Amino acid sequence: MEPELVPPTMEAIRRWSGVDCPNTAARQGLADMAGLIADMKKLRGTMVFEDEPSSFELALRQCKEPGK
């Protein structure tokens, strides 16, 4: 069964870009988004940017061009 978000998403894409859903694969791709959204919702509140700022800063320093 197709997730509820597919028809309104298809309509939003059509209104925004004037493009209709081209085929079954495209419609299935939209349906797959429901699972991705659910997975992202599970992560909400568990990750913050500040968890590892030192390693991010170290990575920036390591990528810096010599002499700059």
Protein backbone atom coordinates (compact mmCIF):
# COMPACT_ATOMS: atom_id res chain seq x y z
CA MET A 1 0.00 0.00 0.00
CA GLU A 2 1.24 3.46 -0.91
CA PRO A 3 2.05 5.92 1.93
CA GLU A 4 -0.27 8.88 2.40
CA LEU A 5 2.45 11.37 1.52
CA VAL A 6 2.77 10.23 -2.11
CA PRO A 7 -0.31 11.87 -3.73
CA PRO A 8 0.16 15.30 -2.10
CA THR A 9 3.89 15.20 -2.88
CA MET A 10 3.17 14.38 -6.50
CA GLU A 11 0.72 17.27 -6.65
CA ALA A 12 3.22 19.65 -5.05
CA ILE A 13 5.89 18.63 -7.59
CA ARG A 14 3.41 19.09 -10.45
CA ARG A 15 2.39 22.54 -9.22
CA TRP A 16 5.94 23.67 -8.50
CA SER A 17 7.65 22.39 -11.64
CA GLY A 18 4.88 21.43 -14.02
CA VAL A 19 6.22 17.85 -14.13
CA ASP A 20 3.93 14.88 -13.65
CA CYS A 21 5.17 11.69 -12.03
CA PRO A 22 6.86 10.04 -15.04
CA ASN A 23 6.63 6.35 -14.16
CA THR A 24 6.18 3.65 -11.54
CA ALA A 25 9.82 3.89 -10.43
CA ALA A 26 9.41 7.60 -9.65
CA ARG A 27 6.25 6.92 -7.67
CA GLN A 28 8.06 4.15 -5.75
CA GLY A 29 10.89 6.57 -5.01
CA LEU A 30 8.41 8.94 -3.41
CA ALA A 31 6.94 6.06 -1.42
CA ASP A 32 10.41 5.18 -0.13
CA MET A 33 10.68 8.68 1.33
CA ALA A 34 8.15 7.73 4.02
CA GLY A 35 10.65 5.26 5.51
CA LEU A 36 13.48 7.77 5.32
CA ILE A 37 11.38 10.41 7.06
CA ALA A 38 10.44 7.93 9.80
CA ASP A 39 14.11 7.02 10.30
CA MET A 40 15.09 10.68 10.56
CA LYS A 41 12.33 11.32 13.10
CA LYS A 42 13.79 8.55 15.29
CA LEU A 43 17.12 10.42 15.33
CA ARG A 44 15.57 13.75 16.29
CA GLY A 45 17.10 14.97 19.52
CA THR A 46 19.87 12.36 19.57
CA MET A 47 22.43 14.20 17.46
CA VAL A 48 23.79 17.70 17.91
CA PHE A 49 26.51 19.54 16.05
CA GLU A 50 28.41 20.23 19.24
CA ASP A 51 29.01 16.54 19.99
CA GLU A 52 32.38 16.51 18.20
CA PRO A 53 33.46 20.06 17.41
CA SER A 54 37.12 19.36 18.19
CA SER A 55 37.40 16.62 15.56
CA PHE A 56 35.72 18.88 12.99
CA GLU A 57 38.16 21.68 13.74
CA LEU A 58 41.07 19.23 13.55
CA ALA A 59 39.87 18.03 10.13
CA LEU A 60 39.73 21.63 8.90
CA ARG A 61 43.28 22.27 10.12
CA GLN A 62 44.55 19.10 8.43
CA CYS A 63 43.01 20.15 5.11
CA LYS A 64 44.43 23.67 5.29
CA GLU A 65 46.90 24.51 2.55
CA PRO A 66 50.48 24.96 3.74
CA GLY A 67 51.52 28.54 4.37
CA LYS A 68 48.00 29.88 4.90
